Amino acid sequence: TWFSNVIRKLNEEERNLFIEQIRKGDVKH
C-alpha cells in the first residue's frame, strides 16, 4: 500500500499480479 501511494500507483490488476509473484516466491519472476 505504501509503494502504491508513494512510488507508483497500482491499479487492481497490477497489485494482484505483484501479490501473485510474491506468493510464488520465484525471485526472477
Full PDB file with SEQRES, HELIX, SHEET, SSBOND, CRYST1, ORIGX, SCALE, CONECT and MASTER records, all heavy atoms in Angstrom:
SEQRES   1 A   29  THR TRP PHE SER ASN VAL ILE ARG LYS LEU ASN GLU GLU          
SEQRES   2 A   29  GLU ARG ASN LEU PHE ILE GLU GLN ILE ARG LYS GLY ASP          
SEQRES   3 A   29  VAL LYS HIS                                                  
HELIX    1 AA1 TRP A    2  VAL A    6  1                                   5    
HELIX    2 AA2 GLU A   12  LYS A   24  1                                  13    
CRYST1    1.000    1.000    1.000  90.00  90.00  90.00 P 1           1          
ORIGX1      1.000000  0.000000  0.000000        0.00000                         
ORIGX2      0.000000  1.000000  0.000000        0.00000                         
ORIGX3      0.000000  0.000000  1.000000        0.00000                         
SCALE1      1.000000  0.000000  0.000000        0.00000                         
SCALE2      0.000000  1.000000  0.000000        0.00000                         
SCALE3      0.000000  0.000000  1.000000        0.00000                         
ATOM      1  N   THR A   1       0.835  -1.201   0.000  1.00  0.00           N  
ATOM      2  CA  THR A   1       0.000   0.000   0.000  1.00  0.00           C  
ATOM      3  C   THR A   1       0.869   1.251   0.000  1.00  0.00           C  
ATOM      4  O   THR A   1       0.589   2.221  -0.721  1.00  0.00           O  
ATOM      5  CB  THR A   1      -0.928   0.002   1.233  1.00  0.00           C  
ATOM      6  OG1 THR A   1      -1.772  -1.143   1.180  1.00  0.00           O  
ATOM      7  CG2 THR A   1      -1.782   1.255   1.265  1.00  0.00           C  
ATOM      8  N   TRP A   2       1.941   1.230   0.797  1.00  0.00           N  
ATOM      9  CA  TRP A   2       2.863   2.374   0.803  1.00  0.00           C  
ATOM     10  C   TRP A   2       3.482   2.566  -0.579  1.00  0.00           C  
ATOM     11  O   TRP A   2       3.542   3.677  -1.084  1.00  0.00           O  
ATOM     12  CB  TRP A   2       3.967   2.140   1.836  1.00  0.00           C  
ATOM     13  CG  TRP A   2       5.039   3.176   1.798  1.00  0.00           C  
ATOM     14  CD1 TRP A   2       5.038   4.387   2.440  1.00  0.00           C  
ATOM     15  CD2 TRP A   2       6.279   3.117   1.060  1.00  0.00           C  
ATOM     16  NE1 TRP A   2       6.189   5.083   2.142  1.00  0.00           N  
ATOM     17  CE2 TRP A   2       6.966   4.332   1.305  1.00  0.00           C  
ATOM     18  CE3 TRP A   2       6.856   2.174   0.229  1.00  0.00           C  
ATOM     19  CZ2 TRP A   2       8.210   4.601   0.724  1.00  0.00           C  
ATOM     20  CZ3 TRP A   2       8.093   2.445  -0.343  1.00  0.00           C  
ATOM     21  CH2 TRP A   2       8.756   3.646  -0.089  1.00  0.00           C  
ATOM     22  N   PHE A   3       3.933   1.482  -1.189  1.00  0.00           N  
ATOM     23  CA  PHE A   3       4.519   1.556  -2.524  1.00  0.00           C  
ATOM     24  C   PHE A   3       3.525   2.163  -3.511  1.00  0.00           C  
ATOM     25  O   PHE A   3       3.875   3.017  -4.325  1.00  0.00           O  
ATOM     26  CB  PHE A   3       4.932   0.154  -2.978  1.00  0.00           C  
ATOM     27  CG  PHE A   3       5.475   0.101  -4.380  1.00  0.00           C  
ATOM     28  CD1 PHE A   3       6.821   0.336  -4.617  1.00  0.00           C  
ATOM     29  CD2 PHE A   3       4.642  -0.181  -5.451  1.00  0.00           C  
ATOM     30  CE1 PHE A   3       7.331   0.289  -5.909  1.00  0.00           C  
ATOM     31  CE2 PHE A   3       5.137  -0.229  -6.742  1.00  0.00           C  
ATOM     32  CZ  PHE A   3       6.481   0.007  -6.975  1.00  0.00           C  
ATOM     33  N   SER A   4       2.274   1.752  -3.417  1.00  0.00           N  
ATOM     34  CA  SER A   4       1.247   2.244  -4.331  1.00  0.00           C  
ATOM     35  C   SER A   4       0.941   3.716  -4.094  1.00  0.00           C  
ATOM     36  O   SER A   4       0.646   4.461  -5.026  1.00  0.00           O  
ATOM     37  CB  SER A   4      -0.033   1.412  -4.168  1.00  0.00           C  
ATOM     38  OG  SER A   4      -1.022   1.827  -5.081  1.00  0.00           O  
ATOM     39  N   ASN A   5       1.009   4.140  -2.844  1.00  0.00           N  
ATOM     40  CA  ASN A   5       0.756   5.551  -2.520  1.00  0.00           C  
ATOM     41  C   ASN A   5       1.914   6.448  -2.915  1.00  0.00           C  
ATOM     42  O   ASN A   5       1.721   7.592  -3.344  1.00  0.00           O  
ATOM     43  CB  ASN A   5       0.498   5.723  -1.015  1.00  0.00           C  
ATOM     44  CG  ASN A   5      -0.912   5.353  -0.623  1.00  0.00           C  
ATOM     45  OD1 ASN A   5      -1.846   5.503  -1.410  1.00  0.00           O  
ATOM     46  ND2 ASN A   5      -1.075   4.856   0.589  1.00  0.00           N  
ATOM     47  N   VAL A   6       3.141   5.939  -2.769  1.00  0.00           N  
ATOM     48  CA  VAL A   6       4.316   6.799  -2.834  1.00  0.00           C  
ATOM     49  C   VAL A   6       5.116   6.646  -4.128  1.00  0.00           C  
ATOM     50  O   VAL A   6       5.529   7.630  -4.736  1.00  0.00           O  
ATOM     51  CB  VAL A   6       5.237   6.530  -1.617  1.00  0.00           C  
ATOM     52  CG1 VAL A   6       6.536   7.308  -1.727  1.00  0.00           C  
ATOM     53  CG2 VAL A   6       4.505   6.895  -0.322  1.00  0.00           C  
ATOM     54  N   ILE A   7       5.365   5.433  -4.542  1.00  0.00           N  
ATOM     55  CA  ILE A   7       6.275   5.197  -5.659  1.00  0.00           C  
ATOM     56  C   ILE A   7       5.538   5.095  -6.989  1.00  0.00           C  
ATOM     57  O   ILE A   7       5.859   5.797  -7.949  1.00  0.00           O  
ATOM     58  CB  ILE A   7       7.102   3.917  -5.427  1.00  0.00           C  
ATOM     59  CG1 ILE A   7       7.806   3.975  -4.063  1.00  0.00           C  
ATOM     60  CG2 ILE A   7       8.120   3.742  -6.555  1.00  0.00           C  
ATOM     61  CD1 ILE A   7       8.748   5.155  -3.893  1.00  0.00           C  
ATOM     62  N   ARG A   8       4.573   4.225  -7.073  1.00  0.00           N  
ATOM     63  CA  ARG A   8       3.851   4.037  -8.319  1.00  0.00           C  
ATOM     64  C   ARG A   8       2.443   3.565  -8.030  1.00  0.00           C  
ATOM     65  O   ARG A   8       2.237   2.523  -7.437  1.00  0.00           O  
ATOM     66  CB  ARG A   8       4.566   2.992  -9.184  1.00  0.00           C  
ATOM     67  CG  ARG A   8       4.978   3.498 -10.533  1.00  0.00           C  
ATOM     68  CD  ARG A   8       3.911   3.516 -11.579  1.00  0.00           C  
ATOM     69  NE  ARG A   8       3.743   2.208 -12.196  1.00  0.00           N  
ATOM     70  CZ  ARG A   8       2.534   1.722 -12.460  1.00  0.00           C  
ATOM     71  NH1 ARG A   8       1.458   2.368 -12.152  1.00  0.00           N  
ATOM     72  NH2 ARG A   8       2.420   0.566 -13.049  1.00  0.00           N  
ATOM     73  N   LYS A   9       1.465   4.359  -8.438  1.00  0.00           N  
ATOM     74  CA  LYS A   9       0.071   3.993  -8.191  1.00  0.00           C  
ATOM     75  C   LYS A   9      -0.263   2.701  -8.918  1.00  0.00           C  
ATOM     76  O   LYS A   9      -0.071   2.581 -10.128  1.00  0.00           O  
ATOM     77  CB  LYS A   9      -0.850   5.112  -8.686  1.00  0.00           C  
ATOM     78  CG  LYS A   9      -2.298   4.940  -8.248  1.00  0.00           C  
ATOM     79  CD  LYS A   9      -2.420   5.114  -6.742  1.00  0.00           C  
ATOM     80  CE  LYS A   9      -3.869   5.024  -6.284  1.00  0.00           C  
ATOM     81  NZ  LYS A   9      -3.970   5.130  -4.814  1.00  0.00           N  
ATOM     82  N   LEU A  10      -0.718   1.719  -8.167  1.00  0.00           N  
ATOM     83  CA  LEU A  10      -1.042   0.431  -8.755  1.00  0.00           C  
ATOM     84  C   LEU A  10      -2.547   0.292  -8.948  1.00  0.00           C  
ATOM     85  O   LEU A  10      -3.317   0.600  -8.032  1.00  0.00           O  
ATOM     86  CB  LEU A  10      -0.562  -0.709  -7.850  1.00  0.00           C  
ATOM     87  CG  LEU A  10       0.923  -0.754  -7.483  1.00  0.00           C  
ATOM     88  CD1 LEU A  10       1.193  -1.955  -6.585  1.00  0.00           C  
ATOM     89  CD2 LEU A  10       1.795  -0.801  -8.724  1.00  0.00           C  
ATOM     90  N   ASN A  11      -2.950  -0.153 -10.129  1.00  0.00           N  
ATOM     91  CA  ASN A  11      -4.357  -0.491 -10.295  1.00  0.00           C  
ATOM     92  C   ASN A  11      -4.579  -1.899  -9.746  1.00  0.00           C  
ATOM     93  O   ASN A  11      -3.639  -2.589  -9.349  1.00  0.00           O  
ATOM     94  CB  ASN A  11      -4.802  -0.379 -11.759  1.00  0.00           C  
ATOM     95  CG  ASN A  11      -3.982  -1.267 -12.688  1.00  0.00           C  
ATOM     96  OD1 ASN A  11      -3.665  -2.400 -12.338  1.00  0.00           O  
ATOM     97  ND2 ASN A  11      -3.647  -0.747 -13.870  1.00  0.00           N  
ATOM     98  N   GLU A  12      -5.814  -2.341  -9.739  1.00  0.00           N  
ATOM     99  CA  GLU A  12      -6.133  -3.623  -9.111  1.00  0.00           C  
ATOM    100  C   GLU A  12      -5.415  -4.777  -9.798  1.00  0.00           C  
ATOM    101  O   GLU A  12      -4.898  -5.692  -9.140  1.00  0.00           O  
ATOM    102  CB  GLU A  12      -7.643  -3.854  -9.152  1.00  0.00           C  
ATOM    103  CG  GLU A  12      -8.082  -5.120  -8.424  1.00  0.00           C  
ATOM    104  CD  GLU A  12      -9.590  -5.276  -8.381  1.00  0.00           C  
ATOM    105  OE1 GLU A  12     -10.294  -4.360  -8.863  1.00  0.00           O  
ATOM    106  OE2 GLU A  12     -10.059  -6.313  -7.874  1.00  0.00           O  
ATOM    107  N   GLU A  13      -5.343  -4.735 -11.120  1.00  0.00           N  
ATOM    108  CA  GLU A  13      -4.679  -5.806 -11.865  1.00  0.00           C  
ATOM    109  C   GLU A  13      -3.186  -5.868 -11.534  1.00  0.00           C  
ATOM    110  O   GLU A  13      -2.627  -6.949 -11.308  1.00  0.00           O  
ATOM    111  CB  GLU A  13      -4.871  -5.593 -13.363  1.00  0.00           C  
ATOM    112  CG  GLU A  13      -4.220  -6.673 -14.219  1.00  0.00           C  
ATOM    113  CD  GLU A  13      -4.407  -6.414 -15.707  1.00  0.00           C  
ATOM    114  OE1 GLU A  13      -5.143  -5.469 -16.061  1.00  0.00           O  
ATOM    115  OE2 GLU A  13      -3.814  -7.159 -16.512  1.00  0.00           O  
ATOM    116  N   GLU A  14      -2.536  -4.696 -11.485  1.00  0.00           N  
ATOM    117  CA  GLU A  14      -1.107  -4.646 -11.183  1.00  0.00           C  
ATOM    118  C   GLU A  14      -0.827  -5.124  -9.767  1.00  0.00           C  
ATOM    119  O   GLU A  14       0.131  -5.858  -9.515  1.00  0.00           O  
ATOM    120  CB  GLU A  14      -0.575  -3.227 -11.369  1.00  0.00           C  
ATOM    121  CG  GLU A  14      -0.546  -2.768 -12.811  1.00  0.00           C  
ATOM    122  CD  GLU A  14      -0.240  -1.292 -12.939  1.00  0.00           C  
ATOM    123  OE1 GLU A  14      -0.573  -0.532 -11.998  1.00  0.00           O  
ATOM    124  OE2 GLU A  14       0.314  -0.898 -13.976  1.00  0.00           O  
ATOM    125  N   ARG A  15      -1.688  -4.709  -8.848  1.00  0.00           N  
ATOM    126  CA  ARG A  15      -1.498  -5.119  -7.459  1.00  0.00           C  
ATOM    127  C   ARG A  15      -1.633  -6.637  -7.311  1.00  0.00           C  
ATOM    128  O   ARG A  15      -0.821  -7.287  -6.639  1.00  0.00           O  
ATOM    129  CB  ARG A  15      -2.514  -4.404  -6.568  1.00  0.00           C  
ATOM    130  CG  ARG A  15      -2.343  -4.725  -5.082  1.00  0.00           C  
ATOM    131  CD  ARG A  15      -3.449  -4.107  -4.249  1.00  0.00           C  
ATOM    132  NE  ARG A  15      -3.255  -4.468  -2.859  1.00  0.00           N  
ATOM    133  CZ  ARG A  15      -2.645  -3.723  -1.962  1.00  0.00           C  
ATOM    134  NH1 ARG A  15      -2.154  -2.551  -2.310  1.00  0.00           N  
ATOM    135  NH2 ARG A  15      -2.519  -4.125  -0.717  1.00  0.00           N  
ATOM    136  N   ASN A  16      -2.650  -7.194  -7.939  1.00  0.00           N  
ATOM    137  CA  ASN A  16      -2.867  -8.636  -7.844  1.00  0.00           C  
ATOM    138  C   ASN A  16      -1.709  -9.420  -8.464  1.00  0.00           C  
ATOM    139  O   ASN A  16      -1.311 -10.468  -7.954  1.00  0.00           O  
ATOM    140  CB  ASN A  16      -4.179  -9.009  -8.528  1.00  0.00           C  
ATOM    141  CG  ASN A  16      -5.400  -8.526  -7.748  1.00  0.00           C  
ATOM    142  OD1 ASN A  16      -5.307  -8.270  -6.546  1.00  0.00           O  
ATOM    143  ND2 ASN A  16      -6.525  -8.380  -8.418  1.00  0.00           N  
ATOM    144  N   LEU A  17      -1.176  -8.895  -9.589  1.00  0.00           N  
ATOM    145  CA  LEU A  17      -0.044  -9.557 -10.228  1.00  0.00           C  
ATOM    146  C   LEU A  17       1.179  -9.531  -9.322  1.00  0.00           C  
ATOM    147  O   LEU A  17       1.899 -10.529  -9.183  1.00  0.00           O  
ATOM    148  CB  LEU A  17       0.279  -8.872 -11.556  1.00  0.00           C  
ATOM    149  CG  LEU A  17       1.512  -9.404 -12.308  1.00  0.00           C  
ATOM    150  CD1 LEU A  17       1.335 -10.876 -12.658  1.00  0.00           C  
ATOM    151  CD2 LEU A  17       1.774  -8.571 -13.557  1.00  0.00           C  
ATOM    152  N   PHE A  18       1.411  -8.381  -8.690  1.00  0.00           N  
ATOM    153  CA  PHE A  18       2.545  -8.236  -7.782  1.00  0.00           C  
ATOM    154  C   PHE A  18       2.415  -9.223  -6.624  1.00  0.00           C  
ATOM    155  O   PHE A  18       3.364  -9.925  -6.265  1.00  0.00           O  
ATOM    156  CB  PHE A  18       2.592  -6.794  -7.288  1.00  0.00           C  
ATOM    157  CG  PHE A  18       3.838  -6.437  -6.515  1.00  0.00           C  
ATOM    158  CD1 PHE A  18       4.999  -7.176  -6.634  1.00  0.00           C  
ATOM    159  CD2 PHE A  18       3.846  -5.333  -5.672  1.00  0.00           C  
ATOM    160  CE1 PHE A  18       6.145  -6.847  -5.939  1.00  0.00           C  
ATOM    161  CE2 PHE A  18       4.983  -4.981  -4.970  1.00  0.00           C  
ATOM    162  CZ  PHE A  18       6.129  -5.752  -5.098  1.00  0.00           C  
ATOM    163  N   ILE A  19       1.229  -9.311  -6.047  1.00  0.00           N  
ATOM    164  CA  ILE A  19       0.995 -10.226  -4.929  1.00  0.00           C  
ATOM    165  C   ILE A  19       1.200 -11.668  -5.366  1.00  0.00           C  
ATOM    166  O   ILE A  19       1.791 -12.488  -4.645  1.00  0.00           O  
ATOM    167  CB  ILE A  19      -0.425 -10.024  -4.360  1.00  0.00           C  
ATOM    168  CG1 ILE A  19      -0.515  -8.661  -3.644  1.00  0.00           C  
ATOM    169  CG2 ILE A  19      -0.783 -11.141  -3.384  1.00  0.00           C  
ATOM    170  CD1 ILE A  19      -1.912  -8.299  -3.198  1.00  0.00           C  
ATOM    171  N   GLU A  20       0.724 -11.985  -6.553  1.00  0.00           N  
ATOM    172  CA  GLU A  20       0.868 -13.349  -7.053  1.00  0.00           C  
ATOM    173  C   GLU A  20       2.331 -13.740  -7.209  1.00  0.00           C  
ATOM    174  O   GLU A  20       2.736 -14.859  -6.862  1.00  0.00           O  
ATOM    175  CB  GLU A  20       0.143 -13.483  -8.399  1.00  0.00           C  
ATOM    176  CG  GLU A  20       0.176 -14.893  -8.984  1.00  0.00           C  
ATOM    177  CD  GLU A  20      -0.567 -15.896  -8.113  1.00  0.00           C  
ATOM    178  OE1 GLU A  20      -1.461 -15.484  -7.342  1.00  0.00           O  
ATOM    179  OE2 GLU A  20      -0.242 -17.097  -8.210  1.00  0.00           O  
ATOM    180  N   GLN A  21       3.136 -12.815  -7.711  1.00  0.00           N  
ATOM    181  CA  GLN A  21       4.563 -13.096  -7.864  1.00  0.00           C  
ATOM    182  C   GLN A  21       5.242 -13.292  -6.504  1.00  0.00           C  
ATOM    183  O   GLN A  21       6.137 -14.128  -6.347  1.00  0.00           O  
ATOM    184  CB  GLN A  21       5.247 -11.951  -8.626  1.00  0.00           C  
ATOM    185  CG  GLN A  21       4.785 -11.798 -10.070  1.00  0.00           C  
ATOM    186  CD  GLN A  21       5.120 -13.010 -10.912  1.00  0.00           C  
ATOM    187  OE1 GLN A  21       6.011 -13.779 -10.586  1.00  0.00           O  
ATOM    188  NE2 GLN A  21       4.389 -13.195 -12.002  1.00  0.00           N  
ATOM    189  N   ILE A  22       4.813 -12.520  -5.515  1.00  0.00           N  
ATOM    190  CA  ILE A  22       5.362 -12.673  -4.162  1.00  0.00           C  
ATOM    191  C   ILE A  22       4.968 -14.028  -3.586  1.00  0.00           C  
ATOM    192  O   ILE A  22       5.764 -14.709  -2.936  1.00  0.00           O  
ATOM    193  CB  ILE A  22       4.875 -11.522  -3.257  1.00  0.00           C  
ATOM    194  CG1 ILE A  22       5.476 -10.196  -3.733  1.00  0.00           C  
ATOM    195  CG2 ILE A  22       5.250 -11.776  -1.804  1.00  0.00           C  
ATOM    196  CD1 ILE A  22       4.941  -8.991  -3.010  1.00  0.00           C  
ATOM    197  N   ARG A  23       3.728 -14.439  -3.832  1.00  0.00           N  
ATOM    198  CA  ARG A  23       3.274 -15.743  -3.348  1.00  0.00           C  
ATOM    199  C   ARG A  23       4.129 -16.876  -3.912  1.00  0.00           C  
ATOM    200  O   ARG A  23       4.523 -17.810  -3.201  1.00  0.00           O  
ATOM    201  CB  ARG A  23       1.821 -15.964  -3.762  1.00  0.00           C  
ATOM    202  CG  ARG A  23       0.795 -15.235  -2.916  1.00  0.00           C  
ATOM    203  CD  ARG A  23      -0.566 -15.440  -3.530  1.00  0.00           C  
ATOM    204  NE  ARG A  23      -1.624 -14.836  -2.730  1.00  0.00           N  
ATOM    205  CZ  ARG A  23      -2.857 -14.622  -3.179  1.00  0.00           C  
ATOM    206  NH1 ARG A  23      -3.174 -14.970  -4.414  1.00  0.00           N  
ATOM    207  NH2 ARG A  23      -3.765 -14.078  -2.402  1.00  0.00           N  
ATOM    208  N   LYS A  24       4.396 -16.792  -5.206  1.00  0.00           N  
ATOM    209  CA  LYS A  24       5.160 -17.857  -5.862  1.00  0.00           C  
ATOM    210  C   LYS A  24       6.593 -17.911  -5.352  1.00  0.00           C  
ATOM    211  O   LYS A  24       7.203 -18.975  -5.295  1.00  0.00           O  
ATOM    212  CB  LYS A  24       5.155 -17.639  -7.375  1.00  0.00           C  
ATOM    213  CG  LYS A  24       3.784 -17.863  -8.019  1.00  0.00           C  
ATOM    214  CD  LYS A  24       3.843 -17.615  -9.518  1.00  0.00           C  
ATOM    215  CE  LYS A  24       2.489 -17.873 -10.171  1.00  0.00           C  
ATOM    216  NZ  LYS A  24       2.515 -17.595 -11.634  1.00  0.00           N  
ATOM    217  N   GLY A  25       7.143 -16.749  -5.014  1.00  0.00           N  
ATOM    218  CA  GLY A  25       8.468 -16.732  -4.427  1.00  0.00           C  
ATOM    219  C   GLY A  25       9.597 -16.912  -5.400  1.00  0.00           C  
ATOM    220  O   GLY A  25      10.743 -17.071  -4.990  1.00  0.00           O  
ATOM    221  N   ASP A  26       9.316 -16.898  -6.696  1.00  0.00           N  
ATOM    222  CA  ASP A  26      10.367 -17.015  -7.704  1.00  0.00           C  
ATOM    223  C   ASP A  26      11.024 -15.654  -7.871  1.00  0.00           C  
ATOM    224  O   ASP A  26      10.409 -14.718  -8.367  1.00  0.00           O  
ATOM    225  CB  ASP A  26       9.771 -17.495  -9.030  1.00  0.00           C  
ATOM    226  CG  ASP A  26      10.851 -17.783 -10.069  1.00  0.00           C  
ATOM    227  OD1 ASP A  26      11.533 -16.818 -10.468  1.00  0.00           O  
ATOM    228  OD2 ASP A  26      10.998 -18.946 -10.458  1.00  0.00           O  
ATOM    229  N   VAL A  27      12.272 -15.535  -7.437  1.00  0.00           N  
ATOM    230  CA  VAL A  27      12.941 -14.234  -7.437  1.00  0.00           C  
ATOM    231  C   VAL A  27      13.009 -13.643  -8.838  1.00  0.00           C  
ATOM    232  O   VAL A  27      12.778 -12.446  -9.034  1.00  0.00           O  
ATOM    233  CB  VAL A  27      14.367 -14.361  -6.838  1.00  0.00           C  
ATOM    234  CG1 VAL A  27      15.111 -13.035  -6.989  1.00  0.00           C  
ATOM    235  CG2 VAL A  27      14.294 -14.765  -5.381  1.00  0.00           C  
ATOM    236  N   LYS A  28      13.310 -14.475  -9.828  1.00  0.00           N  
ATOM    237  CA  LYS A  28      13.426 -13.978 -11.201  1.00  0.00           C  
ATOM    238  C   LYS A  28      12.115 -13.378 -11.673  1.00  0.00           C  
ATOM    239  O   LYS A  28      12.083 -12.282 -12.242  1.00  0.00           O  
ATOM    240  CB  LYS A  28      13.863 -15.104 -12.125  1.00  0.00           C  
ATOM    241  CG  LYS A  28      14.048 -14.657 -13.569  1.00  0.00           C  
ATOM    242  CD  LYS A  28      14.535 -15.819 -14.434  1.00  0.00           C  
ATOM    243  CE  LYS A  28      14.703 -15.372 -15.887  1.00  0.00           C  
ATOM    244  NZ  LYS A  28      15.166 -16.491 -16.749  1.00  0.00           N  
ATOM    245  N   HIS A  29      11.016 -14.092 -11.440  1.00  0.00           N  
ATOM    246  CA  HIS A  29       9.716 -13.586 -11.866  1.00  0.00           C  
ATOM    247  C   HIS A  29       9.296 -12.370 -11.055  1.00  0.00           C  
ATOM    248  O   HIS A  29       8.677 -11.447 -11.571  1.00  0.00           O  
ATOM    249  CB  HIS A  29       8.663 -14.690 -11.752  1.00  0.00           C  
ATOM    250  CG  HIS A  29       8.733 -15.700 -12.852  1.00  0.00           C  
ATOM    251  ND1 HIS A  29       9.409 -16.884 -12.711  1.00  0.00           N  
ATOM    252  CD2 HIS A  29       8.238 -15.680 -14.117  1.00  0.00           C  
ATOM    253  CE1 HIS A  29       9.320 -17.567 -13.832  1.00  0.00           C  
ATOM    254  NE2 HIS A  29       8.626 -16.859 -14.702  1.00  0.00           N  
TER     255      HIS A  29                                                      
MASTER        0    0    0    2    0    0    0    6  254    1    0    3          
END                                                                             
